[in-house]
Amino acid sequence: INSDLGEGYGNDADIMPFISSCNIACGGHFGTRQTIKET
């Protein structure tokens, strides 16, 4: 189960326990080094 995260919606911490892989926004459409680190 994957989810597109690090996109600024504020729900990453609530979704993470229920997935097995995450797709981290890496600056193209959204994201900074800080949001990437947090994710």
PDB file of all heavy atoms in Angstrom:
ATOM      1  N   ILE A   1       0.875  -1.189   0.000  1.00  0.00           N
ATOM      2  CA  ILE A   1       0.000   0.000   0.000  1.00  0.00           C
ATOM      3  C   ILE A   1       0.902   1.226   0.000  1.00  0.00           C
ATOM      4  O   ILE A   1       1.745   1.377   0.889  1.00  0.00           O
ATOM      5  CB  ILE A   1      -0.932   0.037   1.233  1.00  0.00           C
ATOM      6  CG1 ILE A   1      -1.790  -1.224   1.302  1.00  0.00           C
ATOM      7  CG2 ILE A   1      -1.815   1.283   1.177  1.00  0.00           C
ATOM      8  CD1 ILE A   1      -2.703  -1.267   2.527  1.00  0.00           C
ATOM      9  N   ASN A   2       0.741   2.074  -1.006  1.00  0.00           N
ATOM     10  CA  ASN A   2       1.567   3.279  -1.084  1.00  0.00           C
ATOM     11  C   ASN A   2       0.711   4.540  -1.022  1.00  0.00           C
ATOM     12  O   ASN A   2      -0.495   4.504  -1.259  1.00  0.00           O
ATOM     13  CB  ASN A   2       2.443   3.252  -2.342  1.00  0.00           C
ATOM     14  CG  ASN A   2       1.692   3.620  -3.616  1.00  0.00           C
ATOM     15  OD1 ASN A   2       1.406   4.799  -3.867  1.00  0.00           O
ATOM     16  ND2 ASN A   2       1.384   2.619  -4.446  1.00  0.00           N
ATOM     17  N   SER A   3       1.381   5.640  -0.703  1.00  0.00           N
ATOM     18  CA  SER A   3       0.689   6.935  -0.671  1.00  0.00           C
ATOM     19  C   SER A   3       1.655   8.039  -1.067  1.00  0.00           C
ATOM     20  O   SER A   3       2.844   7.991  -0.750  1.00  0.00           O
ATOM     21  CB  SER A   3       0.120   7.207   0.729  1.00  0.00           C
ATOM     22  OG  SER A   3      -0.715   8.360   0.716  1.00  0.00           O
ATOM     23  N   ASP A   4       1.128   9.039  -1.782  1.00  0.00           N
ATOM     24  CA  ASP A   4       1.915  10.206  -2.186  1.00  0.00           C
ATOM     25  C   ASP A   4       1.932  11.184  -1.017  1.00  0.00           C
ATOM     26  O   ASP A   4       0.898  11.778  -0.694  1.00  0.00           O
ATOM     27  CB  ASP A   4       1.283  10.879  -3.409  1.00  0.00           C
ATOM     28  CG  ASP A   4       1.070   9.917  -4.565  1.00  0.00           C
ATOM     29  OD1 ASP A   4       1.784   8.898  -4.619  1.00  0.00           O
ATOM     30  OD2 ASP A   4       0.202  10.188  -5.414  1.00  0.00           O
ATOM     31  N   LEU A   5       3.099  11.347  -0.397  1.00  0.00           N
ATOM     32  CA  LEU A   5       3.186  12.148   0.820  1.00  0.00           C
ATOM     33  C   LEU A   5       4.248  13.252   0.683  1.00  0.00           C
ATOM     34  O   LEU A   5       4.881  13.394  -0.351  1.00  0.00           O
ATOM     35  CB  LEU A   5       3.484  11.246   2.014  1.00  0.00           C
ATOM     36  CG  LEU A   5       2.445  10.144   2.289  1.00  0.00           C
ATOM     37  CD1 LEU A   5       2.858   9.297   3.482  1.00  0.00           C
ATOM     38  CD2 LEU A   5       1.056  10.744   2.508  1.00  0.00           C
ATOM     39  N   GLY A   6       4.373  14.042   1.746  1.00  0.00           N
ATOM     40  CA  GLY A   6       5.279  15.178   1.696  1.00  0.00           C
ATOM     41  C   GLY A   6       4.783  16.270   0.774  1.00  0.00           C
ATOM     42  O   GLY A   6       5.568  17.043   0.218  1.00  0.00           O
ATOM     43  N   GLU A   7       3.448  16.333   0.610  1.00  0.00           N
ATOM     44  CA  GLU A   7       2.856  17.285  -0.324  1.00  0.00           C
ATOM     45  C   GLU A   7       2.118  18.430   0.376  1.00  0.00           C
ATOM     46  O   GLU A   7       1.357  19.163  -0.251  1.00  0.00           O
ATOM     47  CB  GLU A   7       1.903  16.559  -1.283  1.00  0.00           C
ATOM     48  CG  GLU A   7       2.632  15.597  -2.199  1.00  0.00           C
ATOM     49  CD  GLU A   7       1.726  14.902  -3.210  1.00  0.00           C
ATOM     50  OE1 GLU A   7       0.549  14.624  -2.873  1.00  0.00           O
ATOM     51  OE2 GLU A   7       2.192  14.641  -4.320  1.00  0.00           O
ATOM     52  N   GLY A   8       2.325  18.558   1.689  1.00  0.00           N
ATOM     53  CA  GLY A   8       1.797  19.706   2.400  1.00  0.00           C
ATOM     54  C   GLY A   8       0.376  19.596   2.898  1.00  0.00           C
ATOM     55  O   GLY A   8      -0.214  20.604   3.295  1.00  0.00           O
ATOM     56  N   TYR A   9      -0.186  18.391   2.940  1.00  0.00           N
ATOM     57  CA  TYR A   9      -1.580  18.249   3.369  1.00  0.00           C
ATOM     58  C   TYR A   9      -1.728  18.042   4.872  1.00  0.00           C
ATOM     59  O   TYR A   9      -2.850  18.026   5.392  1.00  0.00           O
ATOM     60  CB  TYR A   9      -2.263  17.113   2.600  1.00  0.00           C
ATOM     61  CG  TYR A   9      -2.441  17.449   1.137  1.00  0.00           C
ATOM     62  CD1 TYR A   9      -1.610  16.894   0.170  1.00  0.00           C
ATOM     63  CD2 TYR A   9      -3.405  18.355   0.727  1.00  0.00           C
ATOM     64  CE1 TYR A   9      -1.748  17.225  -1.168  1.00  0.00           C
ATOM     65  CE2 TYR A   9      -3.558  18.699  -0.611  1.00  0.00           C
ATOM     66  CZ  TYR A   9      -2.728  18.128  -1.554  1.00  0.00           C
ATOM     67  OH  TYR A   9      -2.857  18.467  -2.879  1.00  0.00           O
ATOM     68  N   GLY A  10      -0.621  17.819   5.566  1.00  0.00           N
ATOM     69  CA  GLY A  10      -0.666  17.749   7.023  1.00  0.00           C
ATOM     70  C   GLY A  10      -1.184  16.447   7.595  1.00  0.00           C
ATOM     71  O   GLY A  10      -1.455  16.377   8.799  1.00  0.00           O
ATOM     72  N   ASN A  11      -1.350  15.421   6.750  1.00  0.00           N
ATOM     73  CA  ASN A  11      -1.908  14.161   7.259  1.00  0.00           C
ATOM     74  C   ASN A  11      -0.931  12.990   7.173  1.00  0.00           C
ATOM     75  O   ASN A  11      -1.301  11.837   7.408  1.00  0.00           O
ATOM     76  CB  ASN A  11      -3.195  13.810   6.502  1.00  0.00           C
ATOM     77  CG  ASN A  11      -2.990  13.750   4.990  1.00  0.00           C
ATOM     78  OD1 ASN A  11      -1.865  13.844   4.502  1.00  0.00           O
ATOM     79  ND2 ASN A  11      -4.079  13.615   4.249  1.00  0.00           N
ATOM     80  N   ASP A  12       0.331  13.282   6.857  1.00  0.00           N
ATOM     81  CA  ASP A  12       1.306  12.210   6.650  1.00  0.00           C
ATOM     82  C   ASP A  12       1.447  11.303   7.875  1.00  0.00           C
ATOM     83  O   ASP A  12       1.486  10.071   7.746  1.00  0.00           O
ATOM     84  CB  ASP A  12       2.670  12.801   6.310  1.00  0.00           C
ATOM     85  CG  ASP A  12       2.712  13.480   4.950  1.00  0.00           C
ATOM     86  OD1 ASP A  12       1.639  13.634   4.338  1.00  0.00           O
ATOM     87  OD2 ASP A  12       3.807  13.846   4.505  1.00  0.00           O
ATOM     88  N   ALA A  13       1.538  11.898   9.053  1.00  0.00           N
ATOM     89  CA  ALA A  13       1.746  11.111  10.276  1.00  0.00           C
ATOM     90  C   ALA A  13       0.562  10.181  10.550  1.00  0.00           C
ATOM     91  O   ALA A  13       0.741   9.105  11.137  1.00  0.00           O
ATOM     92  CB  ALA A  13       1.979  12.043  11.461  1.00  0.00           C
ATOM     93  N   ASP A  14      -0.637  10.578  10.114  1.00  0.00           N
ATOM     94  CA  ASP A  14      -1.823   9.753  10.346  1.00  0.00           C
ATOM     95  C   ASP A  14      -1.955   8.633   9.317  1.00  0.00           C
ATOM     96  O   ASP A  14      -2.562   7.595   9.593  1.00  0.00           O
ATOM     97  CB  ASP A  14      -3.078  10.630  10.305  1.00  0.00           C
ATOM     98  CG  ASP A  14      -3.123  11.624  11.453  1.00  0.00           C
ATOM     99  OD1 ASP A  14      -2.908  11.207  12.600  1.00  0.00           O
ATOM    100  OD2 ASP A  14      -3.346  12.825  11.196  1.00  0.00           O
ATOM    101  N   ILE A  15      -1.400   8.840   8.117  1.00  0.00           N
ATOM    102  CA  ILE A  15      -1.487   7.835   7.060  1.00  0.00           C
ATOM    103  C   ILE A  15      -0.382   6.793   7.176  1.00  0.00           C
ATOM    104  O   ILE A  15      -0.602   5.604   6.927  1.00  0.00           O
ATOM    105  CB  ILE A  15      -1.428   8.520   5.670  1.00  0.00           C
ATOM    106  CG1 ILE A  15      -2.686   9.363   5.446  1.00  0.00           C
ATOM    107  CG2 ILE A  15      -1.280   7.495   4.550  1.00  0.00           C
ATOM    108  CD1 ILE A  15      -2.651  10.203   4.176  1.00  0.00           C
ATOM    109  N   MET A  16       0.799   7.208   7.594  1.00  0.00           N
ATOM    110  CA  MET A  16       1.988   6.346   7.602  1.00  0.00           C
ATOM    111  C   MET A  16       1.794   4.981   8.274  1.00  0.00           C
ATOM    112  O   MET A  16       2.284   3.967   7.761  1.00  0.00           O
ATOM    113  CB  MET A  16       3.162   7.064   8.262  1.00  0.00           C
ATOM    114  CG  MET A  16       3.885   8.027   7.367  1.00  0.00           C
ATOM    115  SD  MET A  16       5.012   7.219   6.206  1.00  0.00           S
ATOM    116  CE  MET A  16       5.874   8.678   5.583  1.00  0.00           C
ATOM    117  N   PRO A  17       1.078   4.892   9.410  1.00  0.00           N
ATOM    118  CA  PRO A  17       0.960   3.572  10.063  1.00  0.00           C
ATOM    119  C   PRO A  17       0.184   2.539   9.251  1.00  0.00           C
ATOM    120  O   PRO A  17       0.222   1.352   9.581  1.00  0.00           O
ATOM    121  CB  PRO A  17       0.219   3.898  11.375  1.00  0.00           C
ATOM    122  CG  PRO A  17       0.459   5.351  11.610  1.00  0.00           C
ATOM    123  CD  PRO A  17       0.493   5.957  10.244  1.00  0.00           C
ATOM    124  N   PHE A  18      -0.507   2.977   8.197  1.00  0.00           N
ATOM    125  CA  PHE A  18      -1.396   2.080   7.458  1.00  0.00           C
ATOM    126  C   PHE A  18      -0.930   1.824   6.026  1.00  0.00           C
ATOM    127  O   PHE A  18      -1.691   1.295   5.215  1.00  0.00           O
ATOM    128  CB  PHE A  18      -2.824   2.652   7.469  1.00  0.00           C
ATOM    129  CG  PHE A  18      -3.324   2.922   8.853  1.00  0.00           C
ATOM    130  CD1 PHE A  18      -3.327   4.213   9.364  1.00  0.00           C
ATOM    131  CD2 PHE A  18      -3.730   1.881   9.670  1.00  0.00           C
ATOM    132  CE1 PHE A  18      -3.764   4.463  10.665  1.00  0.00           C
ATOM    133  CE2 PHE A  18      -4.161   2.116  10.961  1.00  0.00           C
ATOM    134  CZ  PHE A  18      -4.178   3.408  11.465  1.00  0.00           C
ATOM    135  N   ILE A  19       0.329   2.197   5.724  1.00  0.00           N
ATOM    136  CA  ILE A  19       0.888   1.955   4.395  1.00  0.00           C
ATOM    137  C   ILE A  19       2.219   1.220   4.542  1.00  0.00           C
ATOM    138  O   ILE A  19       2.751   1.094   5.636  1.00  0.00           O
ATOM    139  CB  ILE A  19       1.079   3.267   3.605  1.00  0.00           C
ATOM    140  CG1 ILE A  19       2.075   4.204   4.309  1.00  0.00           C
ATOM    141  CG2 ILE A  19      -0.271   3.969   3.403  1.00  0.00           C
ATOM    142  CD1 ILE A  19       2.403   5.469   3.525  1.00  0.00           C
ATOM    143  N   SER A  20       2.742   0.731   3.424  1.00  0.00           N
ATOM    144  CA  SER A  20       4.036   0.038   3.452  1.00  0.00           C
ATOM    145  C   SER A  20       5.083   0.722   2.593  1.00  0.00           C
ATOM    146  O   SER A  20       6.266   0.379   2.665  1.00  0.00           O
ATOM    147  CB  SER A  20       3.867  -1.424   3.029  1.00  0.00           C
ATOM    148  OG  SER A  20       3.073  -1.543   1.869  1.00  0.00           O
ATOM    149  N   SER A  21       4.687   1.693   1.769  1.00  0.00           N
ATOM    150  CA  SER A  21       5.663   2.490   1.027  1.00  0.00           C
ATOM    151  C   SER A  21       5.094   3.887   0.794  1.00  0.00           C
ATOM    152  O   SER A  21       3.875   4.060   0.691  1.00  0.00           O
ATOM    153  CB  SER A  21       6.040   1.826  -0.305  1.00  0.00           C
ATOM    154  OG  SER A  21       4.948   1.755  -1.183  1.00  0.00           O
ATOM    155  N   CYS A  22       6.001   4.873   0.746  1.00  0.00           N
ATOM    156  CA  CYS A  22       5.556   6.249   0.517  1.00  0.00           C
ATOM    157  C   CYS A  22       6.331   6.849  -0.648  1.00  0.00           C
ATOM    158  O   CYS A  22       7.493   6.522  -0.889  1.00  0.00           O
ATOM    159  CB  CYS A  22       5.731   7.107   1.769  1.00  0.00           C
ATOM    160  SG  CYS A  22       7.446   7.355   2.296  1.00  0.00           S
ATOM    161  N   ASN A  23       5.658   7.732  -1.377  1.00  0.00           N
ATOM    162  CA  ASN A  23       6.229   8.410  -2.531  1.00  0.00           C
ATOM    163  C   ASN A  23       6.390   9.877  -2.143  1.00  0.00           C
ATOM    164  O   ASN A  23       5.408  10.594  -1.976  1.00  0.00           O
ATOM    165  CB  ASN A  23       5.300   8.277  -3.735  1.00  0.00           C
ATOM    166  CG  ASN A  23       4.629   6.902  -3.776  1.00  0.00           C
ATOM    167  OD1 ASN A  23       5.310   5.886  -3.733  1.00  0.00           O
ATOM    168  ND2 ASN A  23       3.293   6.872  -3.823  1.00  0.00           N
ATOM    169  N   ILE A  24       7.631  10.313  -1.998  1.00  0.00           N
ATOM    170  CA  ILE A  24       7.902  11.622  -1.401  1.00  0.00           C
ATOM    171  C   ILE A  24       8.096  12.694  -2.466  1.00  0.00           C
ATOM    172  O   ILE A  24       8.974  12.575  -3.336  1.00  0.00           O
ATOM    173  CB  ILE A  24       9.138  11.551  -0.488  1.00  0.00           C
ATOM    174  CG1 ILE A  24       8.933  10.491   0.612  1.00  0.00           C
ATOM    175  CG2 ILE A  24       9.432  12.912   0.131  1.00  0.00           C
ATOM    176  CD1 ILE A  24      10.136  10.277   1.503  1.00  0.00           C
ATOM    177  N   ALA A  25       7.279  13.735  -2.391  1.00  0.00           N
ATOM    178  CA  ALA A  25       7.418  14.882  -3.291  1.00  0.00           C
ATOM    179  C   ALA A  25       8.821  15.462  -3.135  1.00  0.00           C
ATOM    180  O   ALA A  25       9.263  15.742  -2.023  1.00  0.00           O
ATOM    181  CB  ALA A  25       6.366  15.938  -2.963  1.00  0.00           C
ATOM    182  N   CYS A  26       9.519  15.623  -4.265  1.00  0.00           N
ATOM    183  CA  CYS A  26      10.943  15.955  -4.180  1.00  0.00           C
ATOM    184  C   CYS A  26      11.307  17.264  -4.869  1.00  0.00           C
ATOM    185  O   CYS A  26      12.398  17.403  -5.418  1.00  0.00           O
ATOM    186  CB  CYS A  26      11.792  14.802  -4.685  1.00  0.00           C
ATOM    187  SG  CYS A  26      11.147  13.850  -6.060  1.00  0.00           S
ATOM    188  N   GLY A  27      10.387  18.222  -4.845  1.00  0.00           N
ATOM    189  CA  GLY A  27      10.710  19.564  -5.280  1.00  0.00           C
ATOM    190  C   GLY A  27      10.190  19.957  -6.642  1.00  0.00           C
ATOM    191  O   GLY A  27      10.223  21.140  -6.998  1.00  0.00           O
ATOM    192  N   GLY A  28       9.716  19.002  -7.418  1.00  0.00           N
ATOM    193  CA  GLY A  28       9.203  19.337  -8.741  1.00  0.00           C
ATOM    194  C   GLY A  28       7.844  20.001  -8.664  1.00  0.00           C
ATOM    195  O   GLY A  28       7.653  21.123  -9.129  1.00  0.00           O
ATOM    196  N   HIS A  29       6.875  19.299  -8.065  1.00  0.00           N
ATOM    197  CA  HIS A  29       5.527  19.854  -7.922  1.00  0.00           C
ATOM    198  C   HIS A  29       5.299  20.415  -6.524  1.00  0.00           C
ATOM    199  O   HIS A  29       4.440  21.259  -6.303  1.00  0.00           O
ATOM    200  CB  HIS A  29       4.467  18.803  -8.237  1.00  0.00           C
ATOM    201  CG  HIS A  29       4.433  17.638  -7.291  1.00  0.00           C
ATOM    202  ND1 HIS A  29       5.430  16.688  -7.247  1.00  0.00           N
ATOM    203  CD2 HIS A  29       3.524  17.260  -6.359  1.00  0.00           C
ATOM    204  CE1 HIS A  29       5.125  15.774  -6.341  1.00  0.00           C
ATOM    205  NE2 HIS A  29       3.973  16.107  -5.775  1.00  0.00           N
ATOM    206  N   PHE A  30       6.086  19.912  -5.556  1.00  0.00           N
ATOM    207  CA  PHE A  30       5.999  20.365  -4.171  1.00  0.00           C
ATOM    208  C   PHE A  30       7.226  19.830  -3.446  1.00  0.00           C
ATOM    209  O   PHE A  30       7.830  18.853  -3.859  1.00  0.00           O
ATOM    210  CB  PHE A  30       4.728  19.832  -3.485  1.00  0.00           C
ATOM    211  CG  PHE A  30       4.440  20.483  -2.152  1.00  0.00           C
ATOM    212  CD1 PHE A  30       3.656  21.630  -2.094  1.00  0.00           C
ATOM    213  CD2 PHE A  30       4.971  19.974  -0.981  1.00  0.00           C
ATOM    214  CE1 PHE A  30       3.403  22.247  -0.872  1.00  0.00           C
ATOM    215  CE2 PHE A  30       4.732  20.578   0.239  1.00  0.00           C
ATOM    216  CZ  PHE A  30       3.944  21.721   0.291  1.00  0.00           C
ATOM    217  N   GLY A  31       7.585  20.486  -2.354  1.00  0.00           N
ATOM    218  CA  GLY A  31       8.619  19.940  -1.499  1.00  0.00           C
ATOM    219  C   GLY A  31       9.872  20.777  -1.378  1.00  0.00           C
ATOM    220  O   GLY A  31      10.306  21.429  -2.331  1.00  0.00           O
ATOM    221  N   THR A  32      10.430  20.743  -0.186  1.00  0.00           N
ATOM    222  CA  THR A  32      11.707  21.376   0.120  1.00  0.00           C
ATOM    223  C   THR A  32      12.564  20.330   0.835  1.00  0.00           C
ATOM    224  O   THR A  32      12.080  19.257   1.198  1.00  0.00           O
ATOM    225  CB  THR A  32      11.525  22.581   1.053  1.00  0.00           C
ATOM    226  OG1 THR A  32      10.977  22.107   2.314  1.00  0.00           O
ATOM    227  CG2 THR A  32      10.573  23.613   0.462  1.00  0.00           C
ATOM    228  N   ARG A  33      13.808  20.643   1.071  1.00  0.00           N
ATOM    229  CA  ARG A  33      14.661  19.701   1.803  1.00  0.00           C
ATOM    230  C   ARG A  33      14.082  19.417   3.192  1.00  0.00           C
ATOM    231  O   ARG A  33      14.191  18.299   3.705  1.00  0.00           O
ATOM    232  CB  ARG A  33      16.087  20.255   1.907  1.00  0.00           C
ATOM    233  CG  ARG A  33      16.808  20.377   0.571  1.00  0.00           C
ATOM    234  CD  ARG A  33      18.279  20.721   0.745  1.00  0.00           C
ATOM    235  NE  ARG A  33      19.030  19.592   1.267  1.00  0.00           N
ATOM    236  CZ  ARG A  33      19.562  18.625   0.527  1.00  0.00           C
ATOM    237  NH1 ARG A  33      19.427  18.647  -0.791  1.00  0.00           N
ATOM    238  NH2 ARG A  33      20.240  17.642   1.088  1.00  0.00           N
ATOM    239  N   GLN A  34      13.431  20.411   3.770  1.00  0.00           N
ATOM    240  CA  GLN A  34      12.853  20.220   5.096  1.00  0.00           C
ATOM    241  C   GLN A  34      11.664  19.257   5.054  1.00  0.00           C
ATOM    242  O   GLN A  34      11.555  18.351   5.890  1.00  0.00           O
ATOM    243  CB  GLN A  34      12.417  21.561   5.693  1.00  0.00           C
ATOM    244  CG  GLN A  34      11.834  21.481   7.094  1.00  0.00           C
ATOM    245  CD  GLN A  34      12.803  20.911   8.128  1.00  0.00           C
ATOM    246  OE1 GLN A  34      14.017  21.086   8.005  1.00  0.00           O
ATOM    247  NE2 GLN A  34      12.276  20.208   9.132  1.00  0.00           N
ATOM    248  N   THR A  35      10.754  19.444   4.078  1.00  0.00           N
ATOM    249  CA  THR A  35       9.599  18.537   4.002  1.00  0.00           C
ATOM    250  C   THR A  35      10.039  17.125   3.637  1.00  0.00           C
ATOM    251  O   THR A  35       9.457  16.142   4.111  1.00  0.00           O
ATOM    252  CB  THR A  35       8.551  19.034   2.990  1.00  0.00           C
ATOM    253  OG1 THR A  35       9.128  19.091   1.674  1.00  0.00           O
ATOM    254  CG2 THR A  35       8.032  20.416   3.362  1.00  0.00           C
ATOM    255  N   ILE A  36      11.067  17.013   2.800  1.00  0.00           N
ATOM    256  CA  ILE A  36      11.586  15.691   2.443  1.00  0.00           C
ATOM    257  C   ILE A  36      12.164  15.009   3.677  1.00  0.00           C
ATOM    258  O   ILE A  36      11.906  13.823   3.931  1.00  0.00           O
ATOM    259  CB  ILE A  36      12.635  15.804   1.324  1.00  0.00           C
ATOM    260  CG1 ILE A  36      11.977  16.280   0.024  1.00  0.00           C
ATOM    261  CG2 ILE A  36      13.345  14.466   1.102  1.00  0.00           C
ATOM    262  CD1 ILE A  36      12.953  16.707  -1.056  1.00  0.00           C
ATOM    263  N   LYS A  37      12.948  15.749   4.445  1.00  0.00           N
ATOM    264  CA  LYS A  37      13.541  15.205   5.678  1.00  0.00           C
ATOM    265  C   LYS A  37      12.459  14.732   6.638  1.00  0.00           C
ATOM    266  O   LYS A  37      12.539  13.631   7.206  1.00  0.00           O
ATOM    267  CB  LYS A  37      14.414  16.255   6.360  1.00  0.00           C
ATOM    268  CG  LYS A  37      15.003  15.798   7.708  1.00  0.00           C
ATOM    269  CD  LYS A  37      15.733  16.922   8.415  1.00  0.00           C
ATOM    270  CE  LYS A  37      16.272  16.464   9.762  1.00  0.00           C
ATOM    271  NZ  LYS A  37      15.194  16.011  10.685  1.00  0.00           N
ATOM    272  N   GLU A  38      11.441  15.563   6.852  1.00  0.00           N
ATOM    273  CA  GLU A  38      10.369  15.218   7.778  1.00  0.00           C
ATOM    274  C   GLU A  38       9.639  13.946   7.335  1.00  0.00           C
ATOM    275  O   GLU A  38       9.291  13.095   8.164  1.00  0.00           O
ATOM    276  CB  GLU A  38       9.389  16.386   7.884  1.00  0.00           C
ATOM    277  CG  GLU A  38       9.965  17.606   8.606  1.00  0.00           C
ATOM    278  CD  GLU A  38       9.074  18.825   8.506  1.00  0.00           C
ATOM    279  OE1 GLU A  38       8.020  18.744   7.812  1.00  0.00           O
ATOM    280  OE2 GLU A  38       9.408  19.862   9.100  1.00  0.00           O
ATOM    281  N   THR A  39       9.407  13.819   6.015  1.00  0.00           N
ATOM    282  CA  THR A  39       8.697  12.647   5.509  1.00  0.00           C
ATOM    283  C   THR A  39       9.561  11.396   5.621  1.00  0.00           C
ATOM    284  O   THR A  39       9.069  10.316   5.976  1.00  0.00           O
ATOM    285  CB  THR A  39       8.257  12.869   4.051  1.00  0.00           C
ATOM    286  OG1 THR A  39       7.650  14.159   3.916  1.00  0.00           O
ATOM    287  CG2 THR A  39       7.242  11.817   3.626  1.00  0.00           C
TER     288      THR A  39
END
